[in-house]
Amino acid sequence: MAKISPTSIKYSIIADFVADGLFQKPDVIGALFGQTEGLLGSDMELRELQKEGKIGRIEVDLVTEGGKTTGEITIPSALDKTETTIIAASLETIDKIGPTDAKITIRDISDVRGGKRDYIMERAKALLAGINGEGMDSTEMGTELRESSRVSKAVEYGEEGLAAGPNIDAEKELIVVEGRADVVNMLKNGIKNVIGMQGTKFPKTITKLGETKELTLFVDGDRGGKLIAQNVCDNANVVYIAQAPDGKEVEELAQKELLQALRKKVPAKVFLGKSNDSPQRSFDRNSRREEPVGEIVRRELNDSDISKLRELASEIKGKNVLVLNEDLEIVQNVPASKLGSIGVKDAFVLMVGAATGSVIQGAERLKSKAVAAQTFGKVPDTSVKLISL
């Protein structure tokens, strides 16, 4: 008889039995072999499978009490999952053990390898934690050297000795951040046109730079960042404002997060939610200025216009704003954050999925007649007509 190797065992069949009578373990083994013989064909005979090493040694534990015998049968299997379950099901057809009536019920078919895999994973974790002195490979070393080189380029600038990137005098656009740690993180991630304010007293250097350069203020994603934005805009000519994601600081952002936040920058007055009393310069890559807002007379909206707006509601996608002219034609489809950069001539109606305070303020600046939205959040008092779609 071939022996099944312990390493070949895949599953373990565990069955319970109960019988009205007294018998011994050999009677149970005999019933398993005898009453399943010929039931599943020659390829699935328990006796033959055991000879081939596909079924292991059958273990039987039994207890006799009060004229009844109960116990447990354990059968190790090297068969696949399907064949093992067929063998297990066949055991439940046995109705006698020795001379007595009996009932066998499969309690469980366990995957023996699952326990081994669990042990392997836990042991591997322990071994991994115990590895000391892990070194860098050449790629990691190169990355660290490059980052170190970037950080080393931080310089002191202006009469206050502000932390800044190299050669900022040659830059046309500058990013102003709160402190030195923000500057270091920006340089580490390849953004060099940066300068930090460092300190509670507003530096005169930033005011002077705002006279000749396009300033983008980059603040932390908290309430403090908004307060700093107001203070900086009161003391310097800031064109754009970018903000870190909610709850995060500029100094802890990864490169991807830094670039995404900078791409989402908005005009300063849009960020602050109000128009400044003093004129504010606006720059773009082609040195174009914002279109001045003069006296614009808008026609009144009638019931037919509102019906047409509701028909156009399906054109609203995501958080974008549809800009409509007086003929109710869509002339622009822009993100809400870009409202500050569009012209006022054709901004008759703004259509949006969810109207926020910043959209309403954008509509006021553009002298729009109405804002049409599917939902309205907490919006300020306004003379702009609000239309529910």
Protein backbone atom coordinates (compact mmCIF):
# COMPACT_ATOMS: atom_id res chain seq x y z
CA MET A 1 0.00 0.00 0.00
CA ALA A 2 1.42 3.37 -1.01
CA LYS A 3 1.72 5.96 1.72
CA ILE A 4 0.51 9.48 1.20
CA SER A 5 3.25 12.03 1.75
CA PRO A 6 2.42 14.64 4.40
CA THR A 7 3.52 17.32 1.92
CA SER A 8 0.95 16.05 -0.63
CA ILE A 9 -2.07 16.45 1.63
CA LYS A 10 -4.40 19.15 0.31
CA TYR A 11 -7.64 18.61 2.20
CA SER A 12 -8.89 16.94 5.33
CA ILE A 13 -12.40 15.40 5.44
CA ILE A 14 -13.90 15.40 8.93
CA ALA A 15 -17.11 13.43 9.52
CA ASP A 16 -19.21 12.68 12.61
CA PHE A 17 -21.10 9.41 13.10
CA VAL A 18 -23.71 8.06 15.54
CA ALA A 19 -24.98 4.48 15.80
CA ASP A 20 -27.39 2.50 18.00
CA GLY A 21 -25.07 -0.27 19.12
CA LEU A 22 -21.58 -1.26 20.10
CA PHE A 23 -18.66 -1.77 17.69
CA GLN A 24 -14.93 -1.09 17.29
CA LYS A 25 -12.75 1.05 15.02
CA PRO A 26 -12.13 -1.74 12.46
CA ASP A 27 -15.91 -1.95 11.98
CA VAL A 28 -15.96 1.72 10.97
CA ILE A 29 -13.05 1.28 8.52
CA GLY A 30 -14.73 -1.79 7.05
CA ALA A 31 -17.99 0.09 6.54
CA LEU A 32 -16.18 2.93 4.72
CA PHE A 33 -14.48 0.59 2.28
CA GLY A 34 -17.30 -1.95 1.92
CA GLN A 35 -20.33 0.31 1.50
CA THR A 36 -18.67 2.74 -0.95
CA GLU A 37 -17.22 -0.04 -3.13
CA GLY A 38 -18.58 0.13 -6.69
CA LEU A 39 -20.49 3.29 -5.88
CA LEU A 40 -18.26 5.76 -7.77
CA GLY A 41 -16.47 3.56 -10.27
CA SER A 42 -13.04 1.96 -10.13
CA ASP A 43 -11.17 5.28 -10.32
CA MET A 44 -12.77 6.50 -7.10
CA GLU A 45 -12.60 3.33 -4.94
CA LEU A 46 -11.39 4.29 -1.46
CA ARG A 47 -9.22 1.17 -1.24
CA GLU A 48 -7.55 1.83 -4.59
CA LEU A 49 -7.06 5.52 -3.85
CA GLN A 50 -5.34 4.62 -0.60
CA LYS A 51 -3.06 2.16 -2.42
CA GLU A 52 -2.11 4.92 -4.89
CA GLY A 53 -1.30 7.35 -2.07
CA LYS A 54 -4.19 9.68 -2.93
CA ILE A 55 -6.05 8.99 0.31
CA GLY A 56 -4.10 8.88 3.56
CA ARG A 57 -4.48 6.84 6.74
CA ILE A 58 -8.07 7.02 7.99
CA GLU A 59 -8.29 7.95 11.65
CA VAL A 60 -11.28 6.99 13.81
CA ASP A 61 -12.08 8.17 17.35
CA LEU A 62 -15.17 6.74 19.03
CA VAL A 63 -16.95 6.72 22.38
CA THR A 64 -19.54 4.17 23.59
CA GLU A 65 -22.06 5.38 26.13
CA GLY A 66 -25.59 4.27 27.08
CA GLY A 67 -25.72 1.67 24.31
CA LYS A 68 -24.83 4.23 21.61
CA THR A 69 -21.56 4.79 19.80
CA THR A 70 -20.52 8.21 18.54
CA GLY A 71 -17.28 9.38 17.03
CA GLU A 72 -15.26 11.22 14.42
CA ILE A 73 -13.65 10.11 11.17
CA THR A 74 -10.69 12.01 9.62
CA ILE A 75 -9.61 11.28 6.05
CA PRO A 76 -6.60 13.13 4.56
CA SER A 77 -6.83 13.68 0.79
CA ALA A 78 -4.33 14.51 -1.94
CA LEU A 79 -7.11 14.66 -4.54
CA ASP A 80 -8.29 17.93 -6.03
CA LYS A 81 -11.17 19.91 -4.52
CA THR A 82 -13.89 18.39 -6.71
CA GLU A 83 -12.84 14.76 -6.18
CA THR A 84 -12.41 15.29 -2.44
CA THR A 85 -15.98 16.60 -2.10
CA ILE A 86 -17.32 13.62 -4.09
CA ILE A 87 -15.56 11.20 -1.71
CA ALA A 88 -16.92 13.13 1.25
CA ALA A 89 -20.49 13.05 -0.10
CA SER A 90 -20.27 9.29 -0.67
CA LEU A 91 -19.59 8.72 3.04
CA GLU A 92 -23.03 10.07 3.91
CA THR A 93 -24.64 7.16 2.00
CA ILE A 94 -23.33 4.67 4.61
CA ASP A 95 -26.23 3.54 6.80
CA LYS A 96 -24.72 0.67 8.78
CA ILE A 97 -21.58 0.14 10.82
CA GLY A 98 -21.18 -3.48 11.81
CA PRO A 99 -24.62 -4.88 12.62
CA THR A 100 -26.11 -1.56 13.75
CA ASP A 101 -27.86 1.32 11.99
CA ALA A 102 -25.65 4.40 11.72
CA LYS A 103 -25.65 7.91 10.33
CA ILE A 104 -22.54 9.71 9.02
CA THR A 105 -22.52 13.50 8.54
CA ILE A 106 -19.70 15.53 6.99
CA ARG A 107 -18.78 18.28 9.44
CA ASP A 108 -16.01 19.99 7.48
CA ILE A 109 -13.62 19.80 4.53
CA SER A 110 -10.63 21.95 5.43
CA ASP A 111 -7.88 23.21 3.16
CA VAL A 112 -4.74 22.04 4.95
CA ARG A 113 -2.57 24.33 2.82
CA GLY A 114 -4.47 27.41 4.02
CA GLY A 115 -3.09 26.96 7.52
CA LYS A 116 0.39 26.53 6.09
CA ARG A 117 0.02 29.71 4.05
CA ASP A 118 -1.08 31.65 7.14
CA TYR A 119 1.96 30.38 9.01
CA ILE A 120 4.25 31.30 6.09
CA MET A 121 2.88 34.86 5.94
CA GLU A 122 3.19 35.46 9.69
CA ARG A 123 6.68 34.01 9.77
CA ALA A 124 7.73 36.02 6.72
CA LYS A 125 6.51 39.22 8.39
CA ALA A 126 8.53 38.43 11.50
CA LEU A 127 11.65 37.69 9.45
CA LEU A 128 11.23 40.86 7.39
CA ALA A 129 10.91 42.97 10.53
CA GLY A 130 14.13 41.45 11.81
CA ILE A 131 16.24 42.47 8.82
CA ASN A 132 18.63 45.21 9.94
CA GLY A 133 20.93 47.47 8.00
CA GLU A 134 18.86 47.54 4.84
CA GLY A 135 20.77 49.56 2.28
CA MET A 136 19.79 51.62 -0.73
CA ASP A 137 20.03 50.38 -4.27
CA SER A 138 21.61 52.54 -6.96
CA THR A 139 18.26 54.05 -8.04
CA GLU A 140 17.41 55.14 -4.49
CA MET A 141 20.90 56.60 -4.02
CA GLY A 142 20.58 58.59 -7.25
CA THR A 143 17.17 59.93 -6.24
CA GLU A 144 18.46 61.03 -2.84
CA LEU A 145 21.44 62.77 -4.41
CA ARG A 146 19.23 64.64 -6.89
CA GLU A 147 16.87 65.74 -4.11
CA SER A 148 19.81 66.81 -1.96
CA SER A 149 21.13 68.86 -4.88
CA ARG A 150 17.78 70.60 -5.29
CA VAL A 151 17.52 71.48 -1.60
CA SER A 152 21.05 72.86 -1.57
CA LYS A 153 20.00 75.50 -4.13
CA ALA A 154 17.83 77.36 -1.60
CA VAL A 155 19.19 80.89 -1.10
CA GLU A 156 18.46 83.92 1.07
CA TYR A 157 16.76 86.77 -0.74
CA GLY A 158 15.92 90.39 0.07
CA GLU A 159 16.55 92.52 3.13
CA GLU A 160 14.70 90.00 5.34
CA GLY A 161 16.79 87.07 4.09
CA LEU A 162 13.77 85.10 2.82
CA ALA A 163 14.26 81.48 1.77
CA ALA A 164 13.94 81.29 -2.02
CA GLY A 165 14.82 79.35 -5.10
CA PRO A 166 17.88 80.28 -7.17
CA ASN A 167 17.81 83.18 -9.65
CA ILE A 168 14.29 84.38 -8.83
CA ASP A 169 15.22 87.81 -10.23
CA ALA A 170 15.15 86.16 -13.66
CA GLU A 171 11.68 84.68 -13.14
CA LYS A 172 8.55 86.42 -14.45
CA GLU A 173 6.20 84.37 -12.27
CA LEU A 174 6.83 83.63 -8.59
CA ILE A 175 5.11 81.31 -6.13
CA VAL A 176 4.90 82.76 -2.63
CA VAL A 177 4.63 80.22 0.22
CA GLU A 178 4.32 80.60 3.96
CA GLY A 179 7.71 79.44 5.26
CA ARG A 180 11.13 77.90 4.68
CA ALA A 181 9.87 74.30 5.00
CA ASP A 182 7.45 74.95 2.12
CA VAL A 183 10.30 76.35 -0.01
CA VAL A 184 12.47 73.29 0.72
CA ASN A 185 9.66 70.91 -0.28
CA MET A 186 8.99 72.82 -3.50
CA LEU A 187 12.67 72.76 -4.46
CA LYS A 188 12.91 69.07 -3.63
CA ASN A 189 10.14 68.45 -6.13
CA GLY A 190 11.70 70.55 -8.90
CA ILE A 191 9.72 73.80 -8.47
CA LYS A 192 12.33 76.58 -8.33
CA ASN A 193 10.46 79.88 -8.81
CA VAL A 194 9.45 80.00 -5.15
CA ILE A 195 9.96 82.31 -2.18
CA GLY A 196 8.84 82.00 1.46
CA MET A 197 7.56 84.75 3.73
CA GLN A 198 8.82 83.18 7.00
CA GLY A 199 7.61 85.11 9.98
CA THR A 200 4.57 86.89 11.31
CA LYS A 201 5.55 90.35 10.05
CA PHE A 202 4.76 90.77 6.37
CA PRO A 203 8.05 91.18 4.43
CA LYS A 204 8.50 94.29 2.28
CA THR A 205 10.37 92.13 -0.23
CA ILE A 206 7.11 90.42 -1.26
CA THR A 207 5.42 93.78 -1.78
CA LYS A 208 8.27 94.93 -4.05
CA LEU A 209 8.24 91.69 -6.04
CA GLY A 210 4.49 92.10 -6.63
CA GLU A 211 5.18 95.35 -8.46
CA THR A 212 7.18 93.68 -11.22
CA LYS A 213 6.27 90.00 -11.17
CA GLU A 214 3.16 87.85 -11.36
CA LEU A 215 2.68 86.44 -7.86
CA THR A 216 0.84 83.22 -7.07
CA LEU A 217 0.23 82.71 -3.37
CA PHE A 218 0.27 79.03 -2.31
CA VAL A 219 -1.27 78.48 1.14
CA ASP A 220 -2.04 75.53 3.42
CA GLY A 221 -5.40 73.77 3.20
CA ASP A 222 -6.83 75.11 6.45
CA ARG A 223 -8.53 78.20 7.86
CA GLY A 224 -5.13 79.69 8.69
CA GLY A 225 -4.25 79.53 5.01
CA LYS A 226 -7.29 81.65 4.14
CA LEU A 227 -6.42 84.23 6.78
CA ILE A 228 -2.86 84.44 5.46
CA ALA A 229 -4.23 84.86 1.92
CA GLN A 230 -6.28 87.87 3.03
CA ASN A 231 -3.27 89.43 4.79
CA VAL A 232 -0.95 88.94 1.82
CA CYS A 233 -3.48 90.35 -0.64
CA ASP A 234 -3.90 93.41 1.58
CA ASN A 235 -0.15 94.07 1.41
CA ALA A 236 0.94 92.91 -2.05
CA ASN A 237 -0.34 92.60 -5.58
CA VAL A 238 -1.24 88.89 -5.75
CA VAL A 239 -2.66 87.67 -9.05
CA TYR A 240 -3.52 84.04 -8.26
CA ILE A 241 -4.03 81.93 -5.16
CA ALA A 242 -3.55 78.17 -4.90
CA GLN A 243 -4.40 76.08 -1.84
CA ALA A 244 -3.24 72.69 -0.60
CA PRO A 245 -5.90 69.94 -0.23
CA ASP A 246 -8.10 70.22 2.87
CA GLY A 247 -6.19 69.50 6.06
CA LYS A 248 -2.77 69.35 4.37
CA GLU A 249 0.20 71.70 4.45
CA VAL A 250 2.35 72.68 1.48
CA GLU A 251 5.48 71.31 3.15
CA GLU A 252 4.05 67.76 3.27
CA LEU A 253 2.70 67.49 -0.28
CA ALA A 254 4.18 65.08 -2.81
CA GLN A 255 5.14 66.34 -6.27
CA LYS A 256 1.88 65.24 -7.88
CA GLU A 257 -0.18 67.00 -5.19
CA LEU A 258 1.88 70.20 -5.53
CA LEU A 259 1.38 70.35 -9.29
CA GLN A 260 -2.34 69.56 -9.06
CA ALA A 261 -2.89 72.31 -6.50
CA LEU A 262 -0.97 74.85 -8.60
CA ARG A 263 -2.97 73.91 -11.71
CA LYS A 264 -6.16 74.69 -9.77
CA LYS A 265 -5.08 78.22 -8.84
CA VAL A 266 -7.77 80.89 -9.16
CA PRO A 267 -7.69 84.68 -9.37
CA ALA A 268 -7.12 86.18 -5.93
CA LYS A 269 -10.45 88.00 -5.79
CA VAL A 270 -12.32 84.82 -6.72
CA PHE A 271 -10.53 82.96 -3.91
CA LEU A 272 -11.31 85.68 -1.38
CA GLY A 273 -14.90 85.94 -2.60
CA LYS A 274 -14.95 89.67 -3.17
CA SER A 275 -13.69 92.41 -5.48
CA ASN A 276 -10.87 94.60 -4.22
CA ASP A 277 -11.43 98.34 -4.15
CA SER A 278 -8.07 98.99 -5.77
CA PRO A 279 -7.50 97.84 -9.35
CA GLN A 280 -5.62 94.54 -9.52
CA ARG A 281 -3.39 93.51 -12.37
CA SER A 282 -4.07 90.19 -14.01
CA PHE A 283 -1.48 88.29 -16.02
CA ASP A 284 -1.52 85.31 -18.32
CA ARG A 285 1.18 83.73 -20.45
CA ASN A 286 0.47 86.21 -23.28
CA SER A 287 0.47 89.22 -20.90
CA ARG A 288 -3.22 89.87 -21.53
CA ARG A 289 -5.16 91.86 -18.95
CA GLU A 290 -8.59 91.05 -17.58
CA GLU A 291 -11.38 92.49 -19.66
CA PRO A 292 -12.71 95.53 -17.76
CA VAL A 293 -16.27 95.29 -16.53
CA GLY A 294 -18.23 98.31 -17.80
CA GLU A 295 -21.91 99.09 -17.88
CA ILE A 296 -23.63 96.09 -19.41
CA VAL A 297 -27.39 96.10 -19.99
CA ARG A 298 -28.93 92.63 -19.90
CA ARG A 299 -32.42 91.88 -21.22
CA GLU A 300 -35.06 90.36 -18.95
CA LEU A 301 -35.71 86.61 -18.81
CA ASN A 302 -39.19 85.36 -19.74
CA ASP A 303 -40.99 82.04 -19.19
CA SER A 304 -39.87 80.77 -22.60
CA ASP A 305 -36.24 81.42 -21.66
CA ILE A 306 -36.59 79.48 -18.43
CA SER A 307 -38.16 76.53 -20.26
CA LYS A 308 -35.26 76.49 -22.70
CA LEU A 309 -32.77 76.57 -19.83
CA ARG A 310 -34.39 73.50 -18.30
CA GLU A 311 -34.12 71.72 -21.65
CA LEU A 312 -30.38 72.50 -21.66
CA ALA A 313 -29.87 71.05 -18.15
CA SER A 314 -28.70 67.72 -19.61
CA GLU A 315 -25.65 69.51 -21.03
CA ILE A 316 -24.27 70.17 -17.53
CA LYS A 317 -21.39 67.78 -16.81
CA GLY A 318 -19.67 67.40 -13.47
CA LYS A 319 -18.71 70.65 -11.75
CA ASN A 320 -18.32 72.67 -14.94
CA VAL A 321 -20.19 75.91 -15.61
CA LEU A 322 -22.00 76.53 -18.89
CA VAL A 323 -21.78 80.17 -20.01
CA LEU A 324 -24.74 81.23 -22.19
CA ASN A 325 -25.22 84.35 -24.30
CA GLU A 326 -28.48 86.30 -24.68
CA ASP A 327 -29.65 83.87 -27.36
CA LEU A 328 -29.20 81.11 -24.74
CA GLU A 329 -26.43 79.52 -26.77
CA ILE A 330 -23.57 77.81 -24.93
CA VAL A 331 -20.48 79.89 -25.64
CA GLN A 332 -18.14 78.41 -23.00
CA ASN A 333 -17.95 75.28 -20.84
CA VAL A 334 -15.42 75.88 -18.05
CA PRO A 335 -14.58 74.62 -14.54
CA ALA A 336 -16.07 76.79 -11.79
CA SER A 337 -12.54 77.75 -10.71
CA LYS A 338 -11.96 79.38 -14.13
CA LEU A 339 -14.89 81.82 -13.95
CA GLY A 340 -12.48 84.60 -13.07
CA SER A 341 -10.69 84.24 -16.39
CA ILE A 342 -13.64 84.46 -18.80
CA GLY A 343 -14.95 87.57 -20.54
CA VAL A 344 -18.14 89.34 -19.51
CA LYS A 345 -19.70 90.09 -22.88
CA ASP A 346 -21.53 86.81 -23.41
CA ALA A 347 -22.05 85.75 -19.77
CA PHE A 348 -25.82 86.28 -19.83
CA VAL A 349 -26.69 83.13 -17.84
CA LEU A 350 -24.46 80.70 -15.94
CA MET A 351 -25.68 77.09 -15.72
CA VAL A 352 -24.27 74.70 -13.13
CA GLY A 353 -25.14 71.46 -11.37
CA ALA A 354 -24.67 72.76 -7.84
CA ALA A 355 -24.55 76.52 -7.27
CA THR A 356 -22.06 77.63 -4.63
CA GLY A 357 -21.22 81.03 -3.19
CA SER A 358 -18.22 81.38 -5.50
CA VAL A 359 -20.38 80.74 -8.59
CA ILE A 360 -22.85 83.41 -7.46
CA GLN A 361 -20.01 85.85 -6.86
CA GLY A 362 -18.60 85.03 -10.29
CA ALA A 363 -21.99 85.76 -11.82
CA GLU A 364 -22.11 89.13 -10.06
CA ARG A 365 -18.67 90.05 -11.38
CA LEU A 366 -19.69 89.06 -14.91
CA LYS A 367 -22.93 91.06 -14.63
CA SER A 368 -24.88 87.89 -15.43
CA LYS A 369 -28.63 88.08 -15.43
CA ALA A 370 -29.14 84.69 -13.79
CA VAL A 371 -27.62 81.51 -12.40
CA ALA A 372 -29.54 78.35 -13.29
CA ALA A 373 -28.71 75.29 -11.18
CA GLN A 374 -30.02 71.85 -10.29
CA THR A 375 -29.25 72.47 -6.60
CA PHE A 376 -28.39 75.54 -4.55
CA GLY A 377 -26.10 75.44 -1.55
CA LYS A 378 -25.64 78.19 0.98
CA VAL A 379 -25.51 81.25 -1.26
CA PRO A 380 -25.16 84.94 -0.37
CA ASP A 381 -27.81 87.57 -0.90
CA THR A 382 -27.59 88.64 -4.52
CA SER A 383 -29.33 90.63 -7.22
CA VAL A 384 -28.63 87.83 -9.71
CA LYS A 385 -31.79 85.86 -10.55
CA LEU A 386 -31.62 82.25 -9.27
CA ILE A 387 -33.40 79.65 -11.42
CA SER A 388 -33.95 76.09 -10.18
CA LEU A 389 -33.68 73.49 -12.92
